[in-house]
Amino acid sequence: MEFSVLRRFWHIAILVTLFSSCEKDIEIDIPPSEPQIVVEGTIENGGPPIVLVSRTRGFFEPTSPADIANSYISDATVFVNDQELTAVCAEDVPPELLSAFAELIGVSPDDLDDLPLCGYIGLDIVGEFETSYDLRVELDDQVLRATTHIPNPVVPDSSYFRLWANSPQYGYVFSRFTDPDTLNNAYRVFTRRIGPNNNDNPVDEVYYAPLGSTFLDEFFNGTSLEVGFQRGQPFNSSRPTDTEEEDGFFELGDRFVFKFCSISEPSYQFYRTFEQQLGTNGSPFAAPNNVITNIEGGLGIWAGYACSYDTIFATP
């Protein structure tokens, strides 16, 4: 019996030794890549163009808010339809544009106080329906170009809150609209809780796009339909309403604004692939996917929005 146990021990020891000898430390040397220029720009009906210019950062570079803010560029020259935009730093953004400026960056207006960040605003340009806008960014010896279009808006017939089937308290926003009988109509939606409400939920200082916010009429061209959407929230938010059972839901008593926008097909392709990247969250098992850009000579997006707004009360 002792011999059997001893023999089994040596078998295990030999196997462990064999497997250990097969292990090998693998070191991957990722060569540094050349920084590229990134453009993030939007123009909405009734509003000015707002453009941010930055450089890409290395994979292992620090990612603190200050480090990321320092990657933004304040010495570019930016034109929309040959009109030069004004370089404006966060502390000097006009109050009526502060929310739009913060929304483009993805932070709250209060966070702008702590970020040394500058962008470009065209105070003399106002977005109009059925109008194209040419963007040109000049930096050192580089010239980046893009064109976008603000389409005619598709205004929802109605938008409303509906309880989720499995909950007496939480639900989604639904919108019923009619898609024009032309191909490649694209849409993007946003939500913003505005309060006051009948509960203790926080209000949102800017509009947030939920995952799945962007869609194309590829499968419903020219038809009337109803579509439901989650509540938009900050990426990687730690707020209880974004991490616990209310994550993605509106709650009875919430008052919120539903922003429904028509966008161009190239803008749709950017936001679709961008959201796919966010959805994988760096998973090594996800299929590789490049974000599609409409910026010639760089990365990013120059997007035109034709938007309508509905204020909704979350009632049964």
C-alpha atoms as a PDB file:
ATOM      1  CA  MET A   1       0.000   0.000   0.000  1.00  0.00           C
ATOM      2  CA  GLU A   2       2.815   2.378   0.898  1.00  0.00           C
ATOM      3  CA  PHE A   3       4.574   1.479  -2.363  1.00  0.00           C
ATOM      4  CA  SER A   4       1.401   2.270  -4.348  1.00  0.00           C
ATOM      5  CA  VAL A   5       1.043   5.677  -2.693  1.00  0.00           C
ATOM      6  CA  LEU A   6       4.728   6.427  -3.197  1.00  0.00           C
ATOM      7  CA  ARG A   7       4.561   5.401  -6.873  1.00  0.00           C
ATOM      8  CA  ARG A   8       1.521   7.653  -7.399  1.00  0.00           C
ATOM      9  CA  PHE A   9       3.391  10.534  -5.743  1.00  0.00           C
ATOM     10  CA  TRP A  10       6.322  10.120  -8.114  1.00  0.00           C
ATOM     11  CA  HIS A  11       3.977  10.013 -11.116  1.00  0.00           C
ATOM     12  CA  ILE A  12       2.503  13.337 -10.024  1.00  0.00           C
ATOM     13  CA  ALA A  13       5.939  14.809  -9.366  1.00  0.00           C
ATOM     14  CA  ILE A  14       7.154  13.766 -12.832  1.00  0.00           C
ATOM     15  CA  LEU A  15       4.067  15.274 -14.498  1.00  0.00           C
ATOM     16  CA  VAL A  16       4.493  18.534 -12.606  1.00  0.00           C
ATOM     17  CA  THR A  17       8.145  18.657 -13.647  1.00  0.00           C
ATOM     18  CA  LEU A  18       7.291  17.977 -17.289  1.00  0.00           C
ATOM     19  CA  PHE A  19       4.582  20.644 -17.423  1.00  0.00           C
ATOM     20  CA  SER A  20       6.786  23.118 -15.592  1.00  0.00           C
ATOM     21  CA  SER A  21       9.577  22.559 -18.084  1.00  0.00           C
ATOM     22  CA  CYS A  22       7.123  23.366 -20.902  1.00  0.00           C
ATOM     23  CA  GLU A  23       6.368  26.803 -19.495  1.00  0.00           C
ATOM     24  CA  LYS A  24       8.084  29.715 -21.166  1.00  0.00           C
ATOM     25  CA  ASP A  25       7.874  33.394 -20.462  1.00  0.00           C
ATOM     26  CA  ILE A  26       6.742  35.253 -23.550  1.00  0.00           C
ATOM     27  CA  GLU A  27       7.618  38.887 -23.877  1.00  0.00           C
ATOM     28  CA  ILE A  28       5.909  40.901 -26.588  1.00  0.00           C
ATOM     29  CA  ASP A  29       7.612  44.079 -27.628  1.00  0.00           C
ATOM     30  CA  ILE A  30       4.928  46.392 -28.988  1.00  0.00           C
ATOM     31  CA  PRO A  31       6.660  49.012 -31.125  1.00  0.00           C
ATOM     32  CA  PRO A  32       5.511  52.591 -30.597  1.00  0.00           C
ATOM     33  CA  SER A  33       3.111  53.856 -33.229  1.00  0.00           C
ATOM     34  CA  GLU A  34       3.156  57.269 -34.812  1.00  0.00           C
ATOM     35  CA  PRO A  35       0.601  59.558 -33.150  1.00  0.00           C
ATOM     36  CA  GLN A  36      -2.346  60.399 -35.378  1.00  0.00           C
ATOM     37  CA  ILE A  37      -4.630  63.404 -35.287  1.00  0.00           C
ATOM     38  CA  VAL A  38      -8.166  62.794 -34.060  1.00  0.00           C
ATOM     39  CA  VAL A  39     -11.064  65.107 -34.892  1.00  0.00           C
ATOM     40  CA  GLU A  40     -14.355  65.098 -32.966  1.00  0.00           C
ATOM     41  CA  GLY A  41     -16.806  67.568 -34.426  1.00  0.00           C
ATOM     42  CA  THR A  42     -20.552  68.076 -34.609  1.00  0.00           C
ATOM     43  CA  ILE A  43     -22.985  70.619 -35.960  1.00  0.00           C
ATOM     44  CA  GLU A  44     -26.672  70.477 -35.038  1.00  0.00           C
ATOM     45  CA  ASN A  45     -29.622  72.350 -36.458  1.00  0.00           C
ATOM     46  CA  GLY A  46     -29.878  75.686 -34.676  1.00  0.00           C
ATOM     47  CA  GLY A  47     -26.402  75.422 -33.146  1.00  0.00           C
ATOM     48  CA  PRO A  48     -22.786  76.239 -34.026  1.00  0.00           C
ATOM     49  CA  PRO A  49     -20.094  73.792 -35.092  1.00  0.00           C
ATOM     50  CA  ILE A  50     -18.007  72.505 -32.183  1.00  0.00           C
ATOM     51  CA  VAL A  51     -14.734  70.749 -32.974  1.00  0.00           C
ATOM     52  CA  LEU A  52     -12.095  69.093 -30.793  1.00  0.00           C
ATOM     53  CA  VAL A  53      -8.660  68.153 -32.119  1.00  0.00           C
ATOM     54  CA  SER A  54      -6.345  65.736 -30.311  1.00  0.00           C
ATOM     55  CA  ARG A  55      -3.569  63.207 -30.831  1.00  0.00           C
ATOM     56  CA  THR A  56      -3.769  59.478 -30.240  1.00  0.00           C
ATOM     57  CA  ARG A  57      -1.983  58.118 -27.189  1.00  0.00           C
ATOM     58  CA  GLY A  58       0.213  55.053 -26.846  1.00  0.00           C
ATOM     59  CA  PHE A  59      -1.305  51.861 -25.468  1.00  0.00           C
ATOM     60  CA  PHE A  60       0.698  52.001 -22.231  1.00  0.00           C
ATOM     61  CA  GLU A  61       0.626  55.768 -21.710  1.00  0.00           C
ATOM     62  CA  PRO A  62      -1.081  57.192 -18.593  1.00  0.00           C
ATOM     63  CA  THR A  63      -4.831  57.706 -18.892  1.00  0.00           C
ATOM     64  CA  SER A  64      -5.656  60.085 -16.068  1.00  0.00           C
ATOM     65  CA  PRO A  65      -8.142  62.860 -16.946  1.00  0.00           C
ATOM     66  CA  ALA A  66      -5.298  65.384 -16.924  1.00  0.00           C
ATOM     67  CA  ASP A  67      -3.162  63.226 -19.241  1.00  0.00           C
ATOM     68  CA  ILE A  68      -6.030  62.794 -21.685  1.00  0.00           C
ATOM     69  CA  ALA A  69      -6.879  66.497 -21.553  1.00  0.00           C
ATOM     70  CA  ASN A  70      -3.265  67.306 -22.412  1.00  0.00           C
ATOM     71  CA  SER A  71      -3.579  65.310 -25.631  1.00  0.00           C
ATOM     72  CA  TYR A  72      -6.022  67.904 -27.005  1.00  0.00           C
ATOM     73  CA  ILE A  73      -4.575  70.480 -29.377  1.00  0.00           C
ATOM     74  CA  SER A  74      -5.159  74.216 -29.077  1.00  0.00           C
ATOM     75  CA  ASP A  75      -2.917  75.531 -31.862  1.00  0.00           C
ATOM     76  CA  ALA A  76      -4.672  74.079 -34.922  1.00  0.00           C
ATOM     77  CA  THR A  77      -6.512  76.226 -37.445  1.00  0.00           C
ATOM     78  CA  VAL A  78     -10.040  74.971 -38.093  1.00  0.00           C
ATOM     79  CA  PHE A  79     -12.450  76.029 -40.826  1.00  0.00           C
ATOM     80  CA  VAL A  80     -16.082  75.154 -41.590  1.00  0.00           C
ATOM     81  CA  ASN A  81     -17.214  76.191 -45.069  1.00  0.00           C
ATOM     82  CA  ASP A  82     -14.064  78.327 -45.231  1.00  0.00           C
ATOM     83  CA  GLN A  83     -14.990  80.298 -42.101  1.00  0.00           C
ATOM     84  CA  GLU A  84     -12.346  80.065 -39.391  1.00  0.00           C
ATOM     85  CA  LEU A  85     -13.551  78.815 -36.014  1.00  0.00           C
ATOM     86  CA  THR A  86     -12.544  80.429 -32.737  1.00  0.00           C
ATOM     87  CA  ALA A  87     -10.222  78.546 -30.385  1.00  0.00           C
ATOM     88  CA  VAL A  88     -11.890  78.494 -26.971  1.00  0.00           C
ATOM     89  CA  CYS A  89     -10.674  76.863 -23.772  1.00  0.00           C
ATOM     90  CA  ALA A  90     -13.119  75.241 -21.379  1.00  0.00           C
ATOM     91  CA  GLU A  91     -13.208  78.103 -18.898  1.00  0.00           C
ATOM     92  CA  ASP A  92     -14.131  80.552 -21.681  1.00  0.00           C
ATOM     93  CA  VAL A  93     -16.897  78.571 -23.393  1.00  0.00           C
ATOM     94  CA  PRO A  94     -20.131  80.632 -23.510  1.00  0.00           C
ATOM     95  CA  PRO A  95     -22.580  79.369 -20.848  1.00  0.00           C
ATOM     96  CA  GLU A  96     -25.243  78.498 -23.434  1.00  0.00           C
ATOM     97  CA  LEU A  97     -22.753  76.187 -25.206  1.00  0.00           C
ATOM     98  CA  LEU A  98     -21.154  74.634 -22.127  1.00  0.00           C
ATOM     99  CA  SER A  99     -23.401  71.554 -22.098  1.00  0.00           C
ATOM    100  CA  ALA A 100     -22.849  70.885 -25.811  1.00  0.00           C
ATOM    101  CA  PHE A 101     -19.085  71.287 -25.358  1.00  0.00           C
ATOM    102  CA  ALA A 102     -19.063  68.889 -22.390  1.00  0.00           C
ATOM    103  CA  GLU A 103     -21.328  66.416 -24.200  1.00  0.00           C
ATOM    104  CA  LEU A 104     -18.893  66.162 -27.102  1.00  0.00           C
ATOM    105  CA  ILE A 105     -16.096  65.294 -24.673  1.00  0.00           C
ATOM    106  CA  GLY A 106     -18.277  62.944 -22.631  1.00  0.00           C
ATOM    107  CA  VAL A 107     -18.001  64.701 -19.268  1.00  0.00           C
ATOM    108  CA  SER A 108     -20.235  66.882 -17.123  1.00  0.00           C
ATOM    109  CA  PRO A 109     -19.912  70.692 -17.361  1.00  0.00           C
ATOM    110  CA  ASP A 110     -18.578  70.759 -13.783  1.00  0.00           C
ATOM    111  CA  ASP A 111     -15.702  68.474 -14.803  1.00  0.00           C
ATOM    112  CA  LEU A 112     -14.547  71.020 -17.373  1.00  0.00           C
ATOM    113  CA  ASP A 113     -13.321  73.240 -14.531  1.00  0.00           C
ATOM    114  CA  ASP A 114     -10.576  70.724 -13.794  1.00  0.00           C
ATOM    115  CA  LEU A 115      -9.520  69.999 -17.387  1.00  0.00           C
ATOM    116  CA  PRO A 116      -7.040  72.187 -19.303  1.00  0.00           C
ATOM    117  CA  LEU A 117      -8.893  71.530 -22.532  1.00  0.00           C
ATOM    118  CA  CYS A 118      -9.545  73.699 -25.589  1.00  0.00           C
ATOM    119  CA  GLY A 119     -11.692  73.317 -28.678  1.00  0.00           C
ATOM    120  CA  TYR A 120     -13.007  75.304 -31.619  1.00  0.00           C
ATOM    121  CA  ILE A 121     -16.435  76.920 -31.998  1.00  0.00           C
ATOM    122  CA  GLY A 122     -17.987  78.746 -34.953  1.00  0.00           C
ATOM    123  CA  LEU A 123     -20.102  81.391 -33.242  1.00  0.00           C
ATOM    124  CA  ASP A 124     -21.168  82.930 -36.575  1.00  0.00           C
ATOM    125  CA  ILE A 125     -22.310  79.641 -38.130  1.00  0.00           C
ATOM    126  CA  VAL A 126     -25.724  78.112 -37.410  1.00  0.00           C
ATOM    127  CA  GLY A 127     -26.628  74.592 -38.515  1.00  0.00           C
ATOM    128  CA  GLU A 128     -29.492  74.343 -41.019  1.00  0.00           C
ATOM    129  CA  PHE A 129     -31.502  71.428 -42.387  1.00  0.00           C
ATOM    130  CA  GLU A 130     -30.551  70.046 -45.800  1.00  0.00           C
ATOM    131  CA  THR A 131     -27.166  71.754 -45.716  1.00  0.00           C
ATOM    132  CA  SER A 132     -23.652  70.355 -46.180  1.00  0.00           C
ATOM    133  CA  TYR A 133     -20.660  71.526 -44.163  1.00  0.00           C
ATOM    134  CA  ASP A 134     -17.019  71.150 -45.168  1.00  0.00           C
ATOM    135  CA  LEU A 135     -14.460  70.862 -42.371  1.00  0.00           C
ATOM    136  CA  ARG A 136     -10.765  71.645 -42.767  1.00  0.00           C
ATOM    137  CA  VAL A 137      -8.184  71.288 -40.001  1.00  0.00           C
ATOM    138  CA  GLU A 138      -4.658  72.634 -40.501  1.00  0.00           C
ATOM    139  CA  LEU A 139      -1.922  71.626 -38.073  1.00  0.00           C
ATOM    140  CA  ASP A 140       1.792  72.028 -38.791  1.00  0.00           C
ATOM    141  CA  ASP A 141       2.178  70.598 -42.301  1.00  0.00           C
ATOM    142  CA  GLN A 142      -0.963  68.439 -42.168  1.00  0.00           C
ATOM    143  CA  VAL A 143      -4.392  69.199 -43.591  1.00  0.00           C
ATOM    144  CA  LEU A 144      -7.407  67.079 -42.593  1.00  0.00           C
ATOM    145  CA  ARG A 145     -10.735  67.307 -44.401  1.00  0.00           C
ATOM    146  CA  ALA A 146     -14.266  65.993 -43.985  1.00  0.00           C
ATOM    147  CA  THR A 147     -17.775  66.755 -45.187  1.00  0.00           C
ATOM    148  CA  THR A 148     -21.034  66.157 -43.366  1.00  0.00           C
ATOM    149  CA  HIS A 149     -24.668  66.903 -44.033  1.00  0.00           C
ATOM    150  CA  ILE A 150     -27.558  67.910 -41.781  1.00  0.00           C
ATOM    151  CA  PRO A 151     -30.509  66.038 -43.312  1.00  0.00           C
ATOM    152  CA  ASN A 152     -34.167  66.872 -43.069  1.00  0.00           C
ATOM    153  CA  PRO A 153     -35.359  65.730 -39.633  1.00  0.00           C
ATOM    154  CA  VAL A 154     -37.575  62.735 -39.051  1.00  0.00           C
ATOM    155  CA  VAL A 155     -39.710  63.818 -36.097  1.00  0.00           C
ATOM    156  CA  PRO A 156     -41.290  60.993 -34.061  1.00  0.00           C
ATOM    157  CA  ASP A 157     -45.076  60.764 -34.115  1.00  0.00           C
ATOM    158  CA  SER A 158     -44.935  60.063 -30.378  1.00  0.00           C
ATOM    159  CA  SER A 159     -42.431  59.147 -27.668  1.00  0.00           C
ATOM    160  CA  TYR A 160     -43.386  57.685 -24.295  1.00  0.00           C
ATOM    161  CA  PHE A 161     -42.333  55.660 -21.263  1.00  0.00           C
ATOM    162  CA  ARG A 162     -43.406  52.042 -20.904  1.00  0.00           C
ATOM    163  CA  LEU A 163     -42.830  49.703 -17.977  1.00  0.00           C
ATOM    164  CA  TRP A 164     -40.636  46.686 -18.565  1.00  0.00           C
ATOM    165  CA  ALA A 165     -42.704  43.497 -18.556  1.00  0.00           C
ATOM    166  CA  ASN A 166     -40.771  42.063 -15.600  1.00  0.00           C
ATOM    167  CA  SER A 167     -40.920  45.166 -13.402  1.00  0.00           C
ATOM    168  CA  PRO A 168     -43.659  47.299 -11.833  1.00  0.00           C
ATOM    169  CA  GLN A 169     -41.184  50.168 -11.367  1.00  0.00           C
ATOM    170  CA  TYR A 170     -38.642  50.341 -14.202  1.00  0.00           C
ATOM    171  CA  GLY A 171     -39.009  50.768 -17.940  1.00  0.00           C
ATOM    172  CA  TYR A 172     -37.715  52.134 -21.231  1.00  0.00           C
ATOM    173  CA  VAL A 173     -38.480  54.978 -23.603  1.00  0.00           C
ATOM    174  CA  PHE A 174     -40.297  54.062 -26.815  1.00  0.00           C
ATOM    175  CA  SER A 175     -40.652  56.092 -29.983  1.00  0.00           C
ATOM    176  CA  ARG A 176     -43.005  55.642 -32.922  1.00  0.00           C
ATOM    177  CA  PHE A 177     -41.931  57.234 -36.200  1.00  0.00           C
ATOM    178  CA  THR A 178     -42.233  56.879 -39.978  1.00  0.00           C
ATOM    179  CA  ASP A 179     -39.075  56.334 -41.999  1.00  0.00           C
ATOM    180  CA  PRO A 180     -38.919  58.127 -45.386  1.00  0.00           C
ATOM    181  CA  ASP A 181     -39.136  55.979 -48.511  1.00  0.00           C
ATOM    182  CA  THR A 182     -35.463  56.503 -49.371  1.00  0.00           C
ATOM    183  CA  LEU A 183     -32.555  54.237 -48.476  1.00  0.00           C
ATOM    184  CA  ASN A 184     -29.837  54.928 -45.907  1.00  0.00           C
ATOM    185  CA  ASN A 185     -31.769  57.101 -43.488  1.00  0.00           C
ATOM    186  CA  ALA A 186     -29.830  56.889 -40.225  1.00  0.00           C
ATOM    187  CA  TYR A 187     -30.697  57.857 -36.672  1.00  0.00           C
ATOM    188  CA  ARG A 188     -29.124  58.427 -33.276  1.00  0.00           C
ATOM    189  CA  VAL A 189     -30.884  58.946 -29.943  1.00  0.00           C
ATOM    190  CA  PHE A 190     -29.947  60.462 -26.585  1.00  0.00           C
ATOM    191  CA  THR A 191     -31.626  60.758 -23.192  1.00  0.00           C
ATOM    192  CA  ARG A 192     -31.266  63.164 -20.292  1.00  0.00           C
ATOM    193  CA  ARG A 193     -32.991  63.029 -16.911  1.00  0.00           C
ATOM    194  CA  ILE A 194     -33.892  66.580 -15.945  1.00  0.00           C
ATOM    195  CA  GLY A 195     -35.919  66.345 -12.694  1.00  0.00           C
ATOM    196  CA  PRO A 196     -37.304  67.288 -10.333  1.00  0.00           C
ATOM    197  CA  ASN A 197     -38.864  63.884  -9.882  1.00  0.00           C
ATOM    198  CA  ASN A 198     -40.715  61.828  -7.316  1.00  0.00           C
ATOM    199  CA  ASN A 199     -37.631  59.885  -6.289  1.00  0.00           C
ATOM    200  CA  ASP A 200     -34.015  60.569  -5.396  1.00  0.00           C
ATOM    201  CA  ASN A 201     -32.501  59.793  -8.793  1.00  0.00           C
ATOM    202  CA  PRO A 202     -29.852  62.243 -10.018  1.00  0.00           C
ATOM    203  CA  VAL A 203     -30.416  64.512 -12.966  1.00  0.00           C
ATOM    204  CA  ASP A 204     -28.107  64.348 -15.989  1.00  0.00           C
ATOM    205  CA  GLU A 205     -26.124  67.454 -16.833  1.00  0.00           C
ATOM    206  CA  VAL A 206     -25.721  66.448 -20.489  1.00  0.00           C
ATOM    207  CA  TYR A 207     -27.382  64.118 -22.996  1.00  0.00           C
ATOM    208  CA  TYR A 208     -26.111  60.538 -23.052  1.00  0.00           C
ATOM    209  CA  ALA A 209     -26.410  58.101 -25.945  1.00  0.00           C
ATOM    210  CA  PRO A 210     -27.293  54.558 -24.831  1.00  0.00           C
ATOM    211  CA  LEU A 211     -25.492  51.606 -26.380  1.00  0.00           C
ATOM    212  CA  GLY A 212     -27.400  50.742 -29.521  1.00  0.00           C
ATOM    213  CA  SER A 213     -28.276  54.396 -29.963  1.00  0.00           C
ATOM    214  CA  THR A 214     -27.492  54.404 -33.675  1.00  0.00           C
ATOM    215  CA  PHE A 215     -29.455  52.553 -36.341  1.00  0.00           C
ATOM    216  CA  LEU A 216     -30.073  52.511 -40.094  1.00  0.00           C
ATOM    217  CA  ASP A 217     -33.285  51.903 -42.066  1.00  0.00           C
ATOM    218  CA  GLU A 218     -31.759  48.912 -43.861  1.00  0.00           C
ATOM    219  CA  PHE A 219     -34.554  46.583 -42.709  1.00  0.00           C
ATOM    220  CA  PHE A 220     -37.493  48.995 -42.316  1.00  0.00           C
ATOM    221  CA  ASN A 221     -37.121  51.496 -45.143  1.00  0.00           C
ATOM    222  CA  GLY A 222     -40.304  53.494 -45.735  1.00  0.00           C
ATOM    223  CA  THR A 223     -42.303  51.938 -42.900  1.00  0.00           C
ATOM    224  CA  SER A 224     -43.775  53.094 -39.598  1.00  0.00           C
ATOM    225  CA  LEU A 225     -42.409  51.363 -36.533  1.00  0.00           C
ATOM    226  CA  GLU A 226     -41.954  51.509 -32.784  1.00  0.00           C
ATOM    227  CA  VAL A 227     -38.482  51.242 -31.243  1.00  0.00           C
ATOM    228  CA  GLY A 228     -37.496  51.023 -27.568  1.00  0.00           C
ATOM    229  CA  PHE A 229     -34.312  52.382 -26.002  1.00  0.00           C
ATOM    230  CA  GLN A 230     -32.467  52.108 -22.708  1.00  0.00           C
ATOM    231  CA  ARG A 231     -31.547  55.127 -20.633  1.00  0.00           C
ATOM    232  CA  GLY A 232     -28.245  56.661 -21.670  1.00  0.00           C
ATOM    233  CA  GLN A 233     -25.580  56.994 -18.996  1.00  0.00           C
ATOM    234  CA  PRO A 234     -21.906  57.932 -18.655  1.00  0.00           C
ATOM    235  CA  PHE A 235     -19.427  55.288 -19.753  1.00  0.00           C
ATOM    236  CA  ASN A 236     -17.994  53.388 -16.755  1.00  0.00           C
ATOM    237  CA  SER A 237     -20.265  55.351 -14.421  1.00  0.00           C
ATOM    238  CA  SER A 238     -20.137  54.518 -10.713  1.00  0.00           C
ATOM    239  CA  ARG A 239     -23.474  56.157  -9.855  1.00  0.00           C
ATOM    240  CA  PRO A 240     -25.786  53.687  -8.058  1.00  0.00           C
ATOM    241  CA  THR A 241     -28.517  54.174 -10.674  1.00  0.00           C
ATOM    242  CA  ASP A 242     -25.998  53.151 -13.352  1.00  0.00           C
ATOM    243  CA  THR A 243     -24.598  50.081 -11.599  1.00  0.00           C
ATOM    244  CA  GLU A 244     -27.447  48.522  -9.614  1.00  0.00           C
ATOM    245  CA  GLU A 245     -30.908  47.247 -10.547  1.00  0.00           C
ATOM    246  CA  GLU A 246     -31.856  50.509 -12.275  1.00  0.00           C
ATOM    247  CA  ASP A 247     -28.923  50.253 -14.689  1.00  0.00           C
ATOM    248  CA  GLY A 248     -30.215  51.185 -18.155  1.00  0.00           C
ATOM    249  CA  PHE A 249     -33.765  51.865 -16.946  1.00  0.00           C
ATOM    250  CA  PHE A 250     -35.937  54.860 -16.259  1.00  0.00           C
ATOM    251  CA  GLU A 251     -37.880  54.710 -12.993  1.00  0.00           C
ATOM    252  CA  LEU A 252     -41.459  55.715 -12.328  1.00  0.00           C
ATOM    253  CA  GLY A 253     -41.352  59.389 -11.376  1.00  0.00           C
ATOM    254  CA  ASP A 254     -38.423  60.279 -13.630  1.00  0.00           C
ATOM    255  CA  ARG A 255     -38.773  63.264 -15.930  1.00  0.00           C
ATOM    256  CA  PHE A 256     -36.465  63.154 -18.922  1.00  0.00           C
ATOM    257  CA  VAL A 257     -35.842  64.514 -22.405  1.00  0.00           C
ATOM    258  CA  PHE A 258     -35.681  62.172 -25.381  1.00  0.00           C
ATOM    259  CA  LYS A 259     -33.510  63.519 -28.204  1.00  0.00           C
ATOM    260  CA  PHE A 260     -34.161  61.907 -31.593  1.00  0.00           C
ATOM    261  CA  CYS A 261     -31.732  62.811 -34.399  1.00  0.00           C
ATOM    262  CA  SER A 262     -31.386  62.115 -38.096  1.00  0.00           C
ATOM    263  CA  ILE A 263     -27.763  61.714 -39.204  1.00  0.00           C
ATOM    264  CA  SER A 264     -25.887  60.868 -42.390  1.00  0.00           C
ATOM    265  CA  GLU A 265     -24.942  57.310 -43.330  1.00  0.00           C
ATOM    266  CA  PRO A 266     -21.162  57.937 -42.866  1.00  0.00           C
ATOM    267  CA  SER A 267     -21.875  59.290 -39.370  1.00  0.00           C
ATOM    268  CA  TYR A 268     -23.913  56.155 -38.657  1.00  0.00           C
ATOM    269  CA  GLN A 269     -20.978  53.949 -39.697  1.00  0.00           C
ATOM    270  CA  PHE A 270     -18.665  55.750 -37.279  1.00  0.00           C
ATOM    271  CA  TYR A 271     -21.012  55.566 -34.287  1.00  0.00           C
ATOM    272  CA  ARG A 272     -21.977  51.954 -35.056  1.00  0.00           C
ATOM    273  CA  THR A 273     -18.375  50.753 -35.050  1.00  0.00           C
ATOM    274  CA  PHE A 274     -17.497  53.010 -32.114  1.00  0.00           C
ATOM    275  CA  GLU A 275     -20.293  51.463 -30.035  1.00  0.00           C
ATOM    276  CA  GLN A 276     -19.153  47.986 -31.064  1.00  0.00           C
ATOM    277  CA  GLN A 277     -15.727  48.786 -29.642  1.00  0.00           C
ATOM    278  CA  LEU A 278     -17.271  50.050 -26.408  1.00  0.00           C
ATOM    279  CA  GLY A 279     -19.431  46.937 -26.179  1.00  0.00           C
ATOM    280  CA  THR A 280     -16.460  44.565 -26.332  1.00  0.00           C
ATOM    281  CA  ASN A 281     -14.773  46.542 -23.520  1.00  0.00           C
ATOM    282  CA  GLY A 282     -11.331  45.292 -24.518  1.00  0.00           C
ATOM    283  CA  SER A 283     -12.310  41.602 -24.551  1.00  0.00           C
ATOM    284  CA  PRO A 284      -9.546  39.440 -26.083  1.00  0.00           C
ATOM    285  CA  PHE A 285     -12.227  37.098 -27.449  1.00  0.00           C
ATOM    286  CA  ALA A 286     -14.089  39.766 -29.429  1.00  0.00           C
ATOM    287  CA  ALA A 287     -13.630  40.013 -33.179  1.00  0.00           C
ATOM    288  CA  PRO A 288     -11.209  42.810 -34.117  1.00  0.00           C
ATOM    289  CA  ASN A 289     -12.988  45.883 -35.362  1.00  0.00           C
ATOM    290  CA  ASN A 290     -11.742  49.218 -36.645  1.00  0.00           C
ATOM    291  CA  VAL A 291     -13.774  52.337 -36.041  1.00  0.00           C
ATOM    292  CA  ILE A 292     -14.798  53.755 -39.424  1.00  0.00           C
ATOM    293  CA  THR A 293     -13.858  57.411 -39.817  1.00  0.00           C
ATOM    294  CA  ASN A 294     -14.968  60.077 -42.268  1.00  0.00           C
ATOM    295  CA  ILE A 295     -11.885  62.228 -41.606  1.00  0.00           C
ATOM    296  CA  GLU A 296      -9.529  62.359 -44.589  1.00  0.00           C
ATOM    297  CA  GLY A 297      -5.965  62.293 -43.267  1.00  0.00           C
ATOM    298  CA  GLY A 298      -6.859  61.418 -39.675  1.00  0.00           C
ATOM    299  CA  LEU A 299      -9.284  59.684 -37.339  1.00  0.00           C
ATOM    300  CA  GLY A 300     -12.593  60.602 -35.751  1.00  0.00           C
ATOM    301  CA  ILE A 301     -15.909  62.043 -36.884  1.00  0.00           C
ATOM    302  CA  TRP A 302     -17.432  65.179 -38.350  1.00  0.00           C
ATOM    303  CA  ALA A 303     -21.197  64.705 -37.937  1.00  0.00           C
ATOM    304  CA  GLY A 304     -24.294  66.728 -38.732  1.00  0.00           C
ATOM    305  CA  TYR A 305     -27.424  66.285 -36.596  1.00  0.00           C
ATOM    306  CA  ALA A 306     -31.067  67.100 -37.305  1.00  0.00           C
ATOM    307  CA  CYS A 307     -32.701  66.702 -33.896  1.00  0.00           C
ATOM    308  CA  SER A 308     -36.053  66.982 -32.174  1.00  0.00           C
ATOM    309  CA  TYR A 309     -36.737  66.913 -28.418  1.00  0.00           C
ATOM    310  CA  ASP A 310     -39.567  65.438 -26.335  1.00  0.00           C
ATOM    311  CA  THR A 311     -40.011  65.862 -22.575  1.00  0.00           C
ATOM    312  CA  ILE A 312     -41.440  62.675 -21.065  1.00  0.00           C
ATOM    313  CA  PHE A 313     -42.820  61.830 -17.620  1.00  0.00           C
ATOM    314  CA  ALA A 314     -42.304  58.235 -16.494  1.00  0.00           C
ATOM    315  CA  THR A 315     -45.854  57.309 -15.487  1.00  0.00           C
ATOM    316  CA  PRO A 316     -47.568  53.893 -15.579  1.00  0.00           C
END
